Amino acid sequence: MPLAAQLWHAGHARNSVRYLMGAVTLMVLVAVAAFATSDKGPLLVMALLMAVLLATVLGWTGGMGLLVLGFGTIFLIGVDLDVVGERLQAWQDPFTADRDDVARLMWFQSEAARFAWGFGVGQVPWCGSSRLDVCHGLPLQLQSDYTFTAIMGWWGPWGAWSWLLLFSAYAYHALMYCARRSPSVLTPGMLLQPGSVKEALAMHLLFLFAVLMLMQTWITAAGNLGWLPLTGLTWPLLSYGKSSLWVSTFFAGAWGMRRLHA
């Protein structure tokens, strides 16, 4: 990826693409597997991951445009249109929509906000595996899609926002580390040294991981708050979702194994 970035900015686009084929092929295979198993969540994650990966090569101007285009494409045509329609309907008017997920989230959050620090651990009215018609809490996917709302139930709005801001600061710290280190590593002279190539690759991995964490976190939080339609994205490292946990663990491990102090 560092070499691909240098080639791209030097005007050698064709050679640049050649160095990205391995990563792109891997993500395409994962996306195909997710589509074949009708697991729509990983499709959105793969699209975001692909856009962020290419953004590290194209730079911020082209990268952010690609990011917006990729997100819009996967949301509009990468999932079933009927699912998109239901979620847009629920986002527009939660209390009259066919799907009541957003209405339940808003009700739960407003009830938790009645207490300074939420219901408290052990006092939250979880729904669990009860039938929806007799459920007086939240549905079973709480631990994956609705982690922000779950934290609000435990510790109220102050606790949920504190978790969100602390987690964002953690990811932002990683981005700033990359910003400080990259200029000294991503130069043609330094990239001729094997040690510098390894560090440059580590910078790209960490940057990719941090941006992906920030995007997923704020998209899932915005969906829980009703600012965006629900997307099914999980909160990295905090939500239960097999593919999300695997991807997050892979990037954390790929970064950590390259650091002596990890």
C-alpha atoms as a PDB file:
ATOM      1  CA  MET A   1       0.000   0.000   0.000  1.00  0.00           C
ATOM      2  CA  PRO A   2       2.757   2.578   0.739  1.00  0.00           C
ATOM      3  CA  LEU A   3       4.425   1.816  -2.602  1.00  0.00           C
ATOM      4  CA  ALA A   4       1.045   1.963  -4.360  1.00  0.00           C
ATOM      5  CA  ALA A   5       0.466   5.412  -2.830  1.00  0.00           C
ATOM      6  CA  GLN A   6       3.845   6.677  -4.046  1.00  0.00           C
ATOM      7  CA  LEU A   7       3.256   5.324  -7.564  1.00  0.00           C
ATOM      8  CA  TRP A   8      -0.240   6.824  -7.702  1.00  0.00           C
ATOM      9  CA  HIS A   9       0.922  10.321  -6.736  1.00  0.00           C
ATOM     10  CA  ALA A  10       3.833  10.026  -9.179  1.00  0.00           C
ATOM     11  CA  GLY A  11       1.374   9.450 -12.038  1.00  0.00           C
ATOM     12  CA  HIS A  12       1.916   5.694 -12.467  1.00  0.00           C
ATOM     13  CA  ALA A  13      -1.682   4.632 -11.856  1.00  0.00           C
ATOM     14  CA  ARG A  14      -1.449   1.320 -13.716  1.00  0.00           C
ATOM     15  CA  ASN A  15       1.507   0.113 -11.684  1.00  0.00           C
ATOM     16  CA  SER A  16      -0.170   1.356  -8.519  1.00  0.00           C
ATOM     17  CA  VAL A  17      -3.271  -0.771  -9.098  1.00  0.00           C
ATOM     18  CA  ARG A  18      -1.122  -3.878  -9.531  1.00  0.00           C
ATOM     19  CA  TYR A  19       0.071  -3.654  -5.915  1.00  0.00           C
ATOM     20  CA  LEU A  20      -3.499  -3.440  -4.627  1.00  0.00           C
ATOM     21  CA  MET A  21      -4.888  -6.513  -6.363  1.00  0.00           C
ATOM     22  CA  GLY A  22      -4.173  -8.873  -3.459  1.00  0.00           C
ATOM     23  CA  ALA A  23      -6.070  -6.831  -0.877  1.00  0.00           C
ATOM     24  CA  VAL A  24      -8.901  -6.058  -3.280  1.00  0.00           C
ATOM     25  CA  THR A  25      -9.281  -9.731  -4.253  1.00  0.00           C
ATOM     26  CA  LEU A  26      -9.451 -10.788  -0.600  1.00  0.00           C
ATOM     27  CA  MET A  27     -12.224  -8.286   0.173  1.00  0.00           C
ATOM     28  CA  VAL A  28     -14.168  -9.213  -2.959  1.00  0.00           C
ATOM     29  CA  LEU A  29     -14.097 -12.886  -1.918  1.00  0.00           C
ATOM     30  CA  VAL A  30     -15.366 -11.990   1.567  1.00  0.00           C
ATOM     31  CA  ALA A  31     -18.111  -9.814   0.065  1.00  0.00           C
ATOM     32  CA  VAL A  32     -19.166 -12.643  -2.274  1.00  0.00           C
ATOM     33  CA  ALA A  33     -19.355 -15.041   0.675  1.00  0.00           C
ATOM     34  CA  ALA A  34     -21.440 -12.520   2.648  1.00  0.00           C
ATOM     35  CA  PHE A  35     -23.793 -12.029  -0.300  1.00  0.00           C
ATOM     36  CA  ALA A  36     -24.147 -15.788  -0.823  1.00  0.00           C
ATOM     37  CA  THR A  37     -25.097 -16.276   2.839  1.00  0.00           C
ATOM     38  CA  SER A  38     -27.482 -13.266   2.791  1.00  0.00           C
ATOM     39  CA  ASP A  39     -25.515 -11.602   5.601  1.00  0.00           C
ATOM     40  CA  LYS A  40     -25.911  -7.968   4.618  1.00  0.00           C
ATOM     41  CA  GLY A  41     -23.922  -6.424   7.490  1.00  0.00           C
ATOM     42  CA  PRO A  42     -20.490  -7.546   6.226  1.00  0.00           C
ATOM     43  CA  LEU A  43     -21.327  -6.190   2.760  1.00  0.00           C
ATOM     44  CA  LEU A  44     -21.530  -2.671   4.157  1.00  0.00           C
ATOM     45  CA  VAL A  45     -18.370  -3.167   6.199  1.00  0.00           C
ATOM     46  CA  MET A  46     -16.486  -4.505   3.156  1.00  0.00           C
ATOM     47  CA  ALA A  47     -17.591  -1.530   1.047  1.00  0.00           C
ATOM     48  CA  LEU A  48     -16.408   0.909   3.707  1.00  0.00           C
ATOM     49  CA  LEU A  49     -13.165  -1.030   4.125  1.00  0.00           C
ATOM     50  CA  MET A  50     -12.539  -0.991   0.381  1.00  0.00           C
ATOM     51  CA  ALA A  51     -13.179   2.744   0.186  1.00  0.00           C
ATOM     52  CA  VAL A  52     -10.895   3.496   3.152  1.00  0.00           C
ATOM     53  CA  LEU A  53      -8.169   1.236   1.728  1.00  0.00           C
ATOM     54  CA  LEU A  54      -8.214   3.083  -1.576  1.00  0.00           C
ATOM     55  CA  ALA A  55      -8.397   6.416   0.260  1.00  0.00           C
ATOM     56  CA  THR A  56      -5.013   5.658   1.857  1.00  0.00           C
ATOM     57  CA  VAL A  57      -3.633   5.414  -1.673  1.00  0.00           C
ATOM     58  CA  LEU A  58      -5.567   8.157  -3.472  1.00  0.00           C
ATOM     59  CA  GLY A  59      -5.233  10.775  -0.731  1.00  0.00           C
ATOM     60  CA  TRP A  60      -7.931  12.660   1.147  1.00  0.00           C
ATOM     61  CA  THR A  61      -9.515  14.500  -1.801  1.00  0.00           C
ATOM     62  CA  GLY A  62     -10.233  11.479  -3.966  1.00  0.00           C
ATOM     63  CA  GLY A  63     -10.505   9.204  -0.942  1.00  0.00           C
ATOM     64  CA  MET A  64     -13.344  11.066   0.764  1.00  0.00           C
ATOM     65  CA  GLY A  65     -15.286  11.291  -2.496  1.00  0.00           C
ATOM     66  CA  LEU A  66     -14.824   7.556  -2.983  1.00  0.00           C
ATOM     67  CA  LEU A  67     -15.896   6.960   0.609  1.00  0.00           C
ATOM     68  CA  VAL A  68     -19.185   8.823   0.143  1.00  0.00           C
ATOM     69  CA  LEU A  69     -19.818   7.133  -3.207  1.00  0.00           C
ATOM     70  CA  GLY A  70     -19.041   3.674  -1.805  1.00  0.00           C
ATOM     71  CA  PHE A  71     -21.300   4.123   1.203  1.00  0.00           C
ATOM     72  CA  GLY A  72     -24.161   5.416  -0.947  1.00  0.00           C
ATOM     73  CA  THR A  73     -23.796   2.586  -3.438  1.00  0.00           C
ATOM     74  CA  ILE A  74     -23.722  -0.241  -0.923  1.00  0.00           C
ATOM     75  CA  PHE A  75     -26.642   1.219   1.019  1.00  0.00           C
ATOM     76  CA  LEU A  76     -28.854   1.784  -2.021  1.00  0.00           C
ATOM     77  CA  ILE A  77     -28.119  -1.216  -4.233  1.00  0.00           C
ATOM     78  CA  GLY A  78     -25.905  -3.501  -2.135  1.00  0.00           C
ATOM     79  CA  VAL A  79     -28.782  -4.660   0.029  1.00  0.00           C
ATOM     80  CA  ASP A  80     -32.332  -5.710  -0.757  1.00  0.00           C
ATOM     81  CA  LEU A  81     -34.421  -2.720  -1.814  1.00  0.00           C
ATOM     82  CA  ASP A  82     -37.320  -3.786   0.397  1.00  0.00           C
ATOM     83  CA  VAL A  83     -35.046  -3.772   3.452  1.00  0.00           C
ATOM     84  CA  VAL A  84     -33.758  -0.303   2.528  1.00  0.00           C
ATOM     85  CA  GLY A  85     -37.326   0.923   2.090  1.00  0.00           C
ATOM     86  CA  GLU A  86     -38.392  -0.404   5.488  1.00  0.00           C
ATOM     87  CA  ARG A  87     -35.445   1.222   7.225  1.00  0.00           C
ATOM     88  CA  LEU A  88     -35.998   4.551   5.481  1.00  0.00           C
ATOM     89  CA  GLN A  89     -39.661   4.404   6.471  1.00  0.00           C
ATOM     90  CA  ALA A  90     -38.739   3.655  10.087  1.00  0.00           C
ATOM     91  CA  TRP A  91     -36.226   6.507  10.063  1.00  0.00           C
ATOM     92  CA  GLN A  92     -38.730   8.997   8.655  1.00  0.00           C
ATOM     93  CA  ASP A  93     -41.565   8.168  11.076  1.00  0.00           C
ATOM     94  CA  PRO A  94     -40.618   5.478  13.620  1.00  0.00           C
ATOM     95  CA  PHE A  95     -44.006   5.229  15.346  1.00  0.00           C
ATOM     96  CA  THR A  96     -46.095   4.518  12.219  1.00  0.00           C
ATOM     97  CA  ALA A  97     -43.580   2.374  10.273  1.00  0.00           C
ATOM     98  CA  ASP A  98     -44.028  -1.347   9.648  1.00  0.00           C
ATOM     99  CA  ARG A  99     -40.751  -2.051  11.476  1.00  0.00           C
ATOM    100  CA  ASP A 100     -40.792  -0.828  15.054  1.00  0.00           C
ATOM    101  CA  ASP A 101     -37.048  -1.154  15.787  1.00  0.00           C
ATOM    102  CA  VAL A 102     -36.363   2.605  15.817  1.00  0.00           C
ATOM    103  CA  ALA A 103     -39.492   3.275  17.895  1.00  0.00           C
ATOM    104  CA  ARG A 104     -38.334   0.721  20.476  1.00  0.00           C
ATOM    105  CA  LEU A 105     -34.868   2.299  20.589  1.00  0.00           C
ATOM    106  CA  MET A 106     -36.290   5.794  21.092  1.00  0.00           C
ATOM    107  CA  TRP A 107     -38.673   4.589  23.801  1.00  0.00           C
ATOM    108  CA  PHE A 108     -35.927   2.668  25.608  1.00  0.00           C
ATOM    109  CA  GLN A 109     -33.528   5.619  25.529  1.00  0.00           C
ATOM    110  CA  SER A 110     -36.147   8.052  26.784  1.00  0.00           C
ATOM    111  CA  GLU A 111     -36.994   5.705  29.662  1.00  0.00           C
ATOM    112  CA  ALA A 112     -33.319   5.228  30.568  1.00  0.00           C
ATOM    113  CA  ALA A 113     -32.793   9.007  30.470  1.00  0.00           C
ATOM    114  CA  ARG A 114     -35.318   9.438  33.293  1.00  0.00           C
ATOM    115  CA  PHE A 115     -32.547   8.299  35.642  1.00  0.00           C
ATOM    116  CA  ALA A 116     -29.258  10.174  35.957  1.00  0.00           C
ATOM    117  CA  TRP A 117     -27.190   7.088  35.157  1.00  0.00           C
ATOM    118  CA  GLY A 118     -29.702   4.812  33.425  1.00  0.00           C
ATOM    119  CA  PHE A 119     -31.472   1.798  34.864  1.00  0.00           C
ATOM    120  CA  GLY A 120     -28.286   0.431  36.421  1.00  0.00           C
ATOM    121  CA  VAL A 121     -26.597  -2.931  35.942  1.00  0.00           C
ATOM    122  CA  GLY A 122     -29.018  -5.741  36.766  1.00  0.00           C
ATOM    123  CA  GLN A 123     -32.069  -3.469  36.500  1.00  0.00           C
ATOM    124  CA  VAL A 124     -32.340  -3.049  32.718  1.00  0.00           C
ATOM    125  CA  PRO A 125     -35.586  -4.432  31.164  1.00  0.00           C
ATOM    126  CA  TRP A 126     -33.955  -6.602  28.510  1.00  0.00           C
ATOM    127  CA  CYS A 127     -36.166  -8.447  26.050  1.00  0.00           C
ATOM    128  CA  GLY A 128     -33.904 -11.469  25.577  1.00  0.00           C
ATOM    129  CA  SER A 129     -35.507 -14.314  23.644  1.00  0.00           C
ATOM    130  CA  SER A 130     -39.114 -13.432  24.547  1.00  0.00           C
ATOM    131  CA  ARG A 131     -41.691 -13.151  21.774  1.00  0.00           C
ATOM    132  CA  LEU A 132     -41.933  -9.643  20.385  1.00  0.00           C
ATOM    133  CA  ASP A 133     -45.647  -9.383  21.208  1.00  0.00           C
ATOM    134  CA  VAL A 134     -44.918  -9.884  24.922  1.00  0.00           C
ATOM    135  CA  CYS A 135     -41.549  -8.097  24.985  1.00  0.00           C
ATOM    136  CA  HIS A 136     -41.315  -4.943  27.069  1.00  0.00           C
ATOM    137  CA  GLY A 137     -37.676  -4.239  26.326  1.00  0.00           C
ATOM    138  CA  LEU A 138     -35.436  -4.541  23.307  1.00  0.00           C
ATOM    139  CA  PRO A 139     -35.091  -7.398  20.783  1.00  0.00           C
ATOM    140  CA  LEU A 140     -32.364 -10.034  20.846  1.00  0.00           C
ATOM    141  CA  GLN A 141     -29.991  -8.229  18.440  1.00  0.00           C
ATOM    142  CA  LEU A 142     -29.355  -5.646  21.177  1.00  0.00           C
ATOM    143  CA  GLN A 143     -25.788  -6.894  21.689  1.00  0.00           C
ATOM    144  CA  SER A 144     -24.885  -6.436  18.013  1.00  0.00           C
ATOM    145  CA  ASP A 145     -26.790  -3.575  16.361  1.00  0.00           C
ATOM    146  CA  TYR A 146     -27.911  -1.601  19.404  1.00  0.00           C
ATOM    147  CA  THR A 147     -24.828  -1.467  21.612  1.00  0.00           C
ATOM    148  CA  PHE A 148     -25.087   2.312  22.093  1.00  0.00           C
ATOM    149  CA  THR A 149     -28.652   1.903  23.366  1.00  0.00           C
ATOM    150  CA  ALA A 150     -27.571  -0.984  25.623  1.00  0.00           C
ATOM    151  CA  ILE A 151     -24.905   1.188  27.235  1.00  0.00           C
ATOM    152  CA  MET A 152     -27.479   3.951  27.675  1.00  0.00           C
ATOM    153  CA  GLY A 153     -29.676   1.442  29.515  1.00  0.00           C
ATOM    154  CA  TRP A 154     -26.842   0.521  31.858  1.00  0.00           C
ATOM    155  CA  TRP A 155     -25.385   3.967  32.554  1.00  0.00           C
ATOM    156  CA  GLY A 156     -27.764   6.492  30.979  1.00  0.00           C
ATOM    157  CA  PRO A 157     -26.999   9.216  28.404  1.00  0.00           C
ATOM    158  CA  TRP A 158     -23.928  10.445  30.310  1.00  0.00           C
ATOM    159  CA  GLY A 159     -22.410   6.993  30.369  1.00  0.00           C
ATOM    160  CA  ALA A 160     -23.216   6.223  26.727  1.00  0.00           C
ATOM    161  CA  TRP A 161     -21.807   9.501  25.454  1.00  0.00           C
ATOM    162  CA  SER A 162     -18.733   9.115  27.646  1.00  0.00           C
ATOM    163  CA  TRP A 163     -18.076   5.666  26.146  1.00  0.00           C
ATOM    164  CA  LEU A 164     -18.612   7.028  22.623  1.00  0.00           C
ATOM    165  CA  LEU A 165     -16.273   9.990  23.083  1.00  0.00           C
ATOM    166  CA  LEU A 166     -13.571   7.948  24.832  1.00  0.00           C
ATOM    167  CA  PHE A 167     -13.659   5.295  22.115  1.00  0.00           C
ATOM    168  CA  SER A 168     -13.494   8.015  19.432  1.00  0.00           C
ATOM    169  CA  ALA A 169     -10.530   9.621  21.197  1.00  0.00           C
ATOM    170  CA  TYR A 170      -8.786   6.230  21.205  1.00  0.00           C
ATOM    171  CA  ALA A 171      -9.233   5.900  17.425  1.00  0.00           C
ATOM    172  CA  TYR A 172      -8.331   9.562  16.860  1.00  0.00           C
ATOM    173  CA  HIS A 173      -5.109   9.082  18.818  1.00  0.00           C
ATOM    174  CA  ALA A 174      -4.158   6.309  16.375  1.00  0.00           C
ATOM    175  CA  LEU A 175      -4.888   8.620  13.407  1.00  0.00           C
ATOM    176  CA  MET A 176      -2.698  11.376  14.880  1.00  0.00           C
ATOM    177  CA  TYR A 177       0.101   8.877  15.439  1.00  0.00           C
ATOM    178  CA  CYS A 178      -0.048   7.966  11.754  1.00  0.00           C
ATOM    179  CA  ALA A 179      -0.099  11.640  10.753  1.00  0.00           C
ATOM    180  CA  ARG A 180       3.043  12.318  12.787  1.00  0.00           C
ATOM    181  CA  ARG A 181       4.973   9.261  11.606  1.00  0.00           C
ATOM    182  CA  SER A 182       3.951   9.013   7.944  1.00  0.00           C
ATOM    183  CA  PRO A 183       5.865  12.028   6.516  1.00  0.00           C
ATOM    184  CA  SER A 184       9.176  10.601   7.730  1.00  0.00           C
ATOM    185  CA  VAL A 185       8.475   7.131   6.343  1.00  0.00           C
ATOM    186  CA  LEU A 186       6.522   7.620   3.115  1.00  0.00           C
ATOM    187  CA  THR A 187       9.368   8.973   1.005  1.00  0.00           C
ATOM    188  CA  PRO A 188      11.000   7.248  -1.978  1.00  0.00           C
ATOM    189  CA  GLY A 189      14.375   7.108  -0.216  1.00  0.00           C
ATOM    190  CA  MET A 190      13.014   5.560   2.961  1.00  0.00           C
ATOM    191  CA  LEU A 191      10.893   3.033   1.053  1.00  0.00           C
ATOM    192  CA  LEU A 192      14.079   1.539  -0.388  1.00  0.00           C
ATOM    193  CA  GLN A 193      14.921   0.248   3.091  1.00  0.00           C
ATOM    194  CA  PRO A 194      13.163  -2.985   4.188  1.00  0.00           C
ATOM    195  CA  GLY A 195      12.664  -1.740   7.733  1.00  0.00           C
ATOM    196  CA  SER A 196      10.972   1.433   6.547  1.00  0.00           C
ATOM    197  CA  VAL A 197       8.690  -0.529   4.228  1.00  0.00           C
ATOM    198  CA  LYS A 198       7.482  -2.610   7.205  1.00  0.00           C
ATOM    199  CA  GLU A 199       6.832   0.522   9.256  1.00  0.00           C
ATOM    200  CA  ALA A 200       5.038   2.191   6.348  1.00  0.00           C
ATOM    201  CA  LEU A 201       2.796  -0.866   5.967  1.00  0.00           C
ATOM    202  CA  ALA A 202       2.088  -0.752   9.695  1.00  0.00           C
ATOM    203  CA  MET A 203       1.123   2.932   9.357  1.00  0.00           C
ATOM    204  CA  HIS A 204      -1.339   2.071   6.603  1.00  0.00           C
ATOM    205  CA  LEU A 205      -2.834  -0.786   8.608  1.00  0.00           C
ATOM    206  CA  LEU A 206      -3.290   1.379  11.682  1.00  0.00           C
ATOM    207  CA  PHE A 207      -4.739   4.269   9.662  1.00  0.00           C
ATOM    208  CA  LEU A 208      -7.157   1.922   7.907  1.00  0.00           C
ATOM    209  CA  PHE A 209      -8.198   0.311  11.185  1.00  0.00           C
ATOM    210  CA  ALA A 210      -8.700   3.640  12.996  1.00  0.00           C
ATOM    211  CA  VAL A 211     -10.788   5.220  10.232  1.00  0.00           C
ATOM    212  CA  LEU A 212     -12.903   2.084   9.906  1.00  0.00           C
ATOM    213  CA  MET A 213     -13.466   2.021  13.689  1.00  0.00           C
ATOM    214  CA  LEU A 214     -14.482   5.686  13.752  1.00  0.00           C
ATOM    215  CA  MET A 215     -16.872   5.310  10.835  1.00  0.00           C
ATOM    216  CA  GLN A 216     -18.544   2.171  12.143  1.00  0.00           C
ATOM    217  CA  THR A 217     -18.853   3.591  15.651  1.00  0.00           C
ATOM    218  CA  TRP A 218     -20.487   6.861  14.624  1.00  0.00           C
ATOM    219  CA  ILE A 219     -22.706   5.247  11.988  1.00  0.00           C
ATOM    220  CA  THR A 220     -24.103   2.736  14.485  1.00  0.00           C
ATOM    221  CA  ALA A 221     -24.486   5.434  17.162  1.00  0.00           C
ATOM    222  CA  ALA A 222     -26.250   7.748  14.690  1.00  0.00           C
ATOM    223  CA  GLY A 223     -28.594   4.914  13.734  1.00  0.00           C
ATOM    224  CA  ASN A 224     -29.420   4.269  17.393  1.00  0.00           C
ATOM    225  CA  LEU A 225     -30.123   7.967  17.938  1.00  0.00           C
ATOM    226  CA  GLY A 226     -32.329   8.218  14.844  1.00  0.00           C
ATOM    227  CA  TRP A 227     -29.954  10.570  13.013  1.00  0.00           C
ATOM    228  CA  LEU A 228     -29.423   8.010  10.219  1.00  0.00           C
ATOM    229  CA  PRO A 229     -31.386   4.939   9.093  1.00  0.00           C
ATOM    230  CA  LEU A 230     -30.359   1.737  10.872  1.00  0.00           C
ATOM    231  CA  THR A 231     -27.600   0.049   8.879  1.00  0.00           C
ATOM    232  CA  GLY A 232     -26.882  -3.068  10.954  1.00  0.00           C
ATOM    233  CA  LEU A 233     -23.264  -1.986  11.533  1.00  0.00           C
ATOM    234  CA  THR A 234     -21.765  -3.037  14.840  1.00  0.00           C
ATOM    235  CA  TRP A 235     -19.651  -1.056  17.281  1.00  0.00           C
ATOM    236  CA  PRO A 236     -16.087  -2.388  16.736  1.00  0.00           C
ATOM    237  CA  LEU A 237     -14.624  -4.376  19.640  1.00  0.00           C
ATOM    238  CA  LEU A 238     -17.731  -3.732  21.788  1.00  0.00           C
ATOM    239  CA  SER A 239     -20.592  -5.311  19.810  1.00  0.00           C
ATOM    240  CA  TYR A 240     -21.121  -9.008  19.254  1.00  0.00           C
ATOM    241  CA  GLY A 241     -20.875  -9.796  15.556  1.00  0.00           C
ATOM    242  CA  LYS A 242     -18.664 -12.594  14.274  1.00  0.00           C
ATOM    243  CA  SER A 243     -17.415 -10.909  11.104  1.00  0.00           C
ATOM    244  CA  SER A 244     -16.894  -7.577  12.900  1.00  0.00           C
ATOM    245  CA  LEU A 245     -14.935  -9.251  15.699  1.00  0.00           C
ATOM    246  CA  TRP A 246     -12.786 -11.165  13.206  1.00  0.00           C
ATOM    247  CA  VAL A 247     -11.958  -8.070  11.135  1.00  0.00           C
ATOM    248  CA  SER A 248     -11.277  -5.894  14.183  1.00  0.00           C
ATOM    249  CA  THR A 249      -9.115  -8.564  15.802  1.00  0.00           C
ATOM    250  CA  PHE A 250      -7.170  -9.078  12.574  1.00  0.00           C
ATOM    251  CA  PHE A 251      -6.281  -5.393  12.258  1.00  0.00           C
ATOM    252  CA  ALA A 252      -5.479  -4.992  15.950  1.00  0.00           C
ATOM    253  CA  GLY A 253      -3.244  -8.056  15.784  1.00  0.00           C
ATOM    254  CA  ALA A 254      -1.583  -7.047  12.507  1.00  0.00           C
ATOM    255  CA  TRP A 255      -0.689  -3.707  14.068  1.00  0.00           C
ATOM    256  CA  GLY A 256       0.317  -5.037  17.490  1.00  0.00           C
ATOM    257  CA  MET A 257       2.645  -7.747  16.202  1.00  0.00           C
ATOM    258  CA  ARG A 258       4.740  -5.087  14.477  1.00  0.00           C
ATOM    259  CA  ARG A 259       5.314  -3.051  17.643  1.00  0.00           C
ATOM    260  CA  LEU A 260       7.936  -4.054  20.174  1.00  0.00           C
ATOM    261  CA  HIS A 261       5.980  -2.486  23.046  1.00  0.00           C
ATOM    262  CA  ALA A 262       2.600  -3.976  22.033  1.00  0.00           C
END
